[in-house]
Protein backbone atom coordinates (compact mmCIF):
# COMPACT_ATOMS: atom_id res chain seq x y z
CA MET A 1 125.59 82.83 57.83
CA PHE A 2 124.25 81.82 61.24
CA HIS A 3 120.73 80.70 61.95
CA HIS A 4 119.31 82.09 65.20
CA PHE A 5 116.30 80.22 66.60
CA ILE A 6 114.54 82.16 69.33
CA ILE A 7 111.67 81.21 71.65
CA LEU A 8 110.39 84.37 73.29
CA HIS A 9 108.46 84.45 76.54
CA SER A 10 106.84 87.85 77.01
CA ASP A 11 105.43 87.72 80.54
CA TYR A 12 108.34 86.95 82.80
CA SER A 13 107.77 87.22 86.57
CA GLU A 14 110.69 89.61 87.04
CA GLY A 15 109.31 92.09 84.56
CA LYS A 16 111.65 91.10 81.72
CA ARG A 17 111.18 89.40 78.39
CA ILE A 18 113.38 86.35 78.16
CA ALA A 19 114.26 84.11 75.23
CA TYR A 20 115.76 80.72 74.59
CA HIS A 21 118.43 81.28 71.95
CA LYS A 22 120.00 78.55 69.82
CA CYS A 23 122.55 79.46 67.17
CA SER A 24 123.44 77.04 64.37
CA LYS A 25 124.85 76.92 60.87
CA SER A 26 122.21 74.39 59.87
CA ILE A 27 118.51 75.10 59.33
CA LYS A 28 117.83 71.49 60.35
CA ASP A 29 118.27 72.43 64.03
CA ILE A 30 114.99 74.29 63.83
CA ASP A 31 113.19 70.99 64.41
CA GLY A 32 114.57 70.62 67.94
CA VAL A 33 113.59 74.19 68.82
CA PHE A 34 110.05 73.66 67.53
CA LEU A 35 109.87 70.48 69.60
CA LEU A 36 110.87 72.43 72.72
CA MET A 37 108.31 75.16 72.07
CA ASN A 38 105.52 72.63 71.56
CA GLU A 39 106.43 70.94 74.85
CA LEU A 40 106.38 74.30 76.64
CA LYS A 41 102.94 75.08 75.25
CA LYS A 42 101.67 71.73 76.53
CA THR A 43 103.15 72.07 80.01
CA HIS A 44 102.39 75.81 80.33
CA PRO A 45 99.20 76.37 78.29
CA HIS A 46 98.42 79.65 80.10
CA LEU A 47 101.73 81.28 79.10
CA SER A 48 102.50 82.98 75.79
CA PHE A 49 105.41 82.11 73.52
CA GLY A 50 106.67 83.44 70.22
CA PHE A 51 109.14 82.00 67.73
CA HIS A 52 111.65 83.90 65.62
CA HIS A 53 114.16 82.75 63.03
CA ILE A 54 116.87 85.26 62.12
CA LEU A 55 119.94 85.06 59.87
CA THR A 56 123.06 87.09 60.70
CA GLU A 57 126.74 86.91 59.86
CA GLN A 58 127.73 86.38 63.53
CA GLU A 59 126.70 83.89 66.20
CA SER A 60 126.43 86.49 68.99
CA TRP A 61 123.22 87.81 70.51
CA ALA A 62 124.56 91.31 69.79
CA SER A 63 124.22 90.61 66.08
CA ILE A 64 120.52 89.92 66.63
CA LYS A 65 120.03 93.26 68.37
CA GLU A 66 121.85 94.98 65.51
CA TYR A 67 119.54 93.21 63.07
CA ASP A 68 116.35 94.22 64.89
CA MET A 69 116.04 96.55 67.92
CA PHE A 70 112.92 94.61 68.94
CA PHE A 71 115.33 92.26 70.74
CA LYS A 72 117.22 95.05 72.54
CA ASP A 73 115.74 94.51 76.03
CA ILE A 74 115.36 90.73 75.88
CA PHE A 75 117.39 88.54 78.23
CA PRO A 76 118.80 85.59 76.24
CA VAL A 77 119.28 82.09 77.68
CA ASN A 78 121.28 79.42 75.88
CA SER A 79 120.43 76.52 78.20
CA GLN A 80 117.11 74.72 77.79
CA GLU A 81 117.18 73.71 81.45
CA THR A 82 117.67 77.30 82.62
CA PHE A 83 114.95 78.59 80.30
CA ILE A 84 112.46 75.98 81.52
CA LYS A 85 113.31 76.84 85.13
CA LEU A 86 112.69 80.53 84.53
CA ILE A 87 109.45 79.82 82.70
CA SER A 88 108.26 77.68 85.60
CA GLU A 89 108.62 80.65 87.94
CA ASP A 90 105.75 82.33 86.11
CA ASP A 91 103.45 79.58 87.40
CA LYS A 92 104.13 80.63 90.97
CA ILE A 93 102.59 83.41 93.03
CA SER A 94 104.66 84.97 95.80
CA ALA A 95 103.65 86.82 98.94
CA LEU A 96 105.05 89.96 97.35
CA ASP A 97 102.77 89.43 94.35
CA ILE A 98 99.75 89.30 96.65
CA ALA A 99 100.93 92.35 98.58
CA ASN A 100 101.27 94.21 95.31
CA LEU A 101 97.76 93.17 94.35
CA ILE A 102 96.37 94.29 97.70
CA ILE A 103 97.80 97.80 97.44
CA SER A 104 96.40 98.06 93.92
CA LYS A 105 92.95 97.58 95.46
CA ILE A 106 93.08 99.33 98.82
CA SER A 107 95.03 102.13 100.49
CA CYS A 108 96.84 100.88 103.57
CA THR A 109 99.91 101.17 105.75
CA HIS A 110 102.59 98.52 105.85
CA LEU A 111 101.21 97.20 109.15
CA LYS A 112 97.71 96.84 107.75
CA LEU A 113 99.08 95.26 104.58
CA GLN A 114 100.77 92.51 106.60
CA LYS A 115 97.56 91.72 108.45
CA LEU A 116 95.45 91.68 105.28
CA LEU A 117 98.03 89.41 103.72
CA TYR A 118 97.72 87.03 106.67
CA PHE A 119 93.91 86.98 106.62
CA PHE A 120 93.98 86.40 102.87
CA TYR A 121 96.37 83.49 103.43
CA CYS A 122 94.03 81.93 106.00
CA ASN A 123 90.96 82.59 103.89
CA HIS A 124 92.55 81.00 100.83
CA ILE A 125 93.49 77.88 102.76
CA LYS A 126 89.95 77.67 104.12
CA ASN A 127 88.39 78.08 100.66
CA LYS A 128 90.83 76.15 98.47
CA GLY A 129 92.68 73.84 100.84
CA TYR A 130 96.22 74.93 100.00
CA PRO A 131 98.53 77.89 100.78
CA PRO A 132 98.49 80.57 98.06
CA PHE A 133 102.26 81.21 98.25
CA PRO A 134 105.32 79.43 99.70
CA GLU A 135 106.67 82.18 102.00
CA LYS A 136 106.13 81.69 105.73
CA PHE A 137 104.75 84.08 108.32
CA LEU A 138 106.91 84.98 111.29
CA ALA A 139 105.56 85.75 114.77
CA TRP A 140 106.57 89.38 115.34
CA ASP A 141 105.39 91.71 118.08
CA TYR A 142 102.58 93.18 115.97
CA GLY A 143 101.36 89.91 114.54
CA PRO A 144 102.22 87.63 111.59
CA VAL A 145 104.74 89.11 109.14
CA ILE A 146 106.21 88.03 105.81
CA ARG A 147 109.85 89.09 105.84
CA GLU A 148 110.09 89.69 102.07
CA VAL A 149 107.09 92.02 102.14
CA TYR A 150 108.43 93.83 105.19
CA ASP A 151 111.79 94.44 103.51
CA THR A 152 110.06 95.87 100.43
CA TYR A 153 107.61 98.24 102.11
CA LYS A 154 109.29 99.19 105.39
CA VAL A 155 110.47 102.44 103.81
CA TYR A 156 106.93 103.79 104.19
CA GLY A 157 106.90 103.43 107.97
CA ARG A 158 103.44 104.37 109.26
CA ASN A 159 102.46 106.18 106.06
CA ASN A 160 100.14 104.71 103.47
CA ILE A 161 101.96 102.86 100.73
CA LYS A 162 102.05 104.78 97.45
CA TYR A 163 100.98 102.85 94.43
CA SER A 164 100.89 103.73 90.74
CA GLU A 165 100.75 101.62 87.61
CA ASP A 166 101.13 102.11 83.89
CA ASP A 167 100.83 99.63 81.06
CA VAL A 168 104.17 97.98 81.76
CA THR A 169 105.33 98.26 85.35
CA THR A 170 104.16 98.69 88.87
CA ILE A 171 106.15 101.35 90.70
CA VAL A 172 107.10 100.89 94.33
CA LYS A 173 109.10 103.75 95.83
CA GLU A 174 109.98 105.01 92.34
CA GLU A 175 111.63 101.71 91.34
CA PRO A 176 110.41 99.25 88.66
CA PHE A 177 108.86 96.35 90.52
CA LYS A 178 106.87 93.94 88.35
CA LEU A 179 104.93 93.70 85.15
CA SER A 180 101.37 95.03 85.33
CA VAL A 181 99.88 93.26 88.32
CA TYR A 182 96.78 92.03 86.50
CA SER A 183 98.53 90.89 83.32
CA ARG A 184 100.97 89.05 85.60
CA PHE A 185 98.23 87.25 87.53
CA LYS A 186 96.20 86.33 84.48
CA LYS A 187 99.08 84.14 83.35
CA THR A 188 99.03 81.98 86.49
CA PRO A 189 96.83 78.87 86.89
CA THR A 190 95.47 80.01 90.27
CA TYR A 191 94.45 83.50 89.12
CA GLY A 192 90.72 82.97 89.70
CA ASP A 193 91.17 81.33 93.10
CA VAL A 194 93.46 84.11 94.29
CA LEU A 195 91.12 86.94 93.31
CA GLU A 196 88.12 85.19 94.85
CA SER A 197 89.86 84.69 98.20
CA LEU A 198 91.32 88.20 98.17
CA ASP A 199 88.02 89.92 97.38
CA GLU A 200 86.34 88.06 100.24
CA THR A 201 89.17 89.06 102.57
CA LEU A 202 89.04 92.75 101.66
CA ILE A 203 85.26 92.84 102.04
CA GLU A 204 85.52 91.37 105.54
CA TYR A 205 88.65 93.10 106.81
CA GLY A 206 89.47 95.95 104.43
CA ASN A 207 87.64 98.64 106.42
CA HIS A 208 89.21 97.71 109.76
CA SER A 209 92.08 99.76 111.15
CA ALA A 210 95.55 98.26 111.37
CA ASN A 211 95.29 98.17 115.17
CA ARG A 212 92.00 96.30 115.02
CA LEU A 213 93.53 93.71 112.71
CA VAL A 214 96.48 93.34 115.07
CA ASP A 215 94.04 92.71 117.94
CA ILE A 216 92.35 89.93 115.95
CA THR A 217 95.64 88.15 115.27
CA HIS A 218 96.58 88.51 118.96
CA GLN A 219 93.52 86.72 120.32
CA ASP A 220 94.10 83.75 122.61
CA ARG A 221 94.96 80.43 120.96
CA THR A 222 95.47 81.94 117.51
CA PRO A 223 98.44 80.64 115.45
CA TRP A 224 100.35 83.83 116.29
CA ASP A 225 99.59 83.48 120.02
CA LYS A 226 100.65 79.83 120.11
CA THR A 227 103.88 80.63 118.27
CA PHE A 228 104.81 83.92 119.96
CA GLN A 229 104.25 82.53 123.50
CA GLU A 230 104.50 85.92 125.21
CA GLY A 231 107.78 86.63 123.48
CA LYS A 232 109.48 83.26 123.90
CA GLY A 233 108.78 82.41 120.26
CA ARG A 234 109.40 85.88 118.86
CA ASN A 235 110.47 85.72 115.18
CA ASN A 236 109.68 82.00 114.96
CA GLU A 237 107.91 80.65 111.90
CA ILE A 238 104.14 80.18 112.19
CA SER A 239 103.61 76.71 110.77
CA VAL A 240 101.05 76.01 108.06
CA ASP A 241 99.78 73.07 110.10
CA LEU A 242 99.06 75.39 113.03
CA ILE A 243 97.13 77.74 110.75
CA LYS A 244 95.16 74.87 109.22
CA GLU A 245 94.34 73.51 112.66
CA TYR A 246 93.07 76.91 113.77
CA ILE A 247 91.00 77.34 110.60
CA ASP A 248 89.35 73.95 111.10
CA LYS A 249 88.32 74.89 114.65
CA THR A 250 87.52 78.58 114.20
CA PRO A 251 86.22 80.14 110.96
CA VAL A 252 88.44 82.96 109.71
């Protein structure tokens, strides 16, 4: 018989349950798996983990699924390093996460979404002193743009982005996108900071038209204006330092 030791992480950022899987013929190996799980709980106290010990006659993951269909849709990982890397991704918030959160709160076009995302970014830096996500804004003709968000929502053109959510997934253009946006954010350390900055942003800018928001980003000496340079810097990255400098001089 084979012992299967499984550490299950149920709130993965890609919308999947993943598990660290160690197979052994000795029950003694359970100690090392418990040690790993305890370390994960210490380093990621906001994330949830579960432990399972299963006995089967084969060492394959398929034998586990045959034993219990609960494990049918779980993605198994045999490397501790890979598992830890994937777990660490749940600590991070992306620009696409924020965009998804925005459209769960307000109806808007893709153009307006990009501008609200930018003002949220500036507002969060002003309030908390650090960027809320690692992606960079590019200086496009209609203002600052996050490429990853553009690629996801460009299918809507000038129409309002359609949003719907059930208990498990957020649907974007009929395709599974992420786990429930709020359950996803509640597992991140910066959850409270993000919602505070976003609520302030939507109160201040949420009722403006997309064109009005574009006009604000296009004002003289703004980070977009300094980067775009009347087209010479089109598509260039708007640096965080430039945004911070502007925030220090002019309240967002």
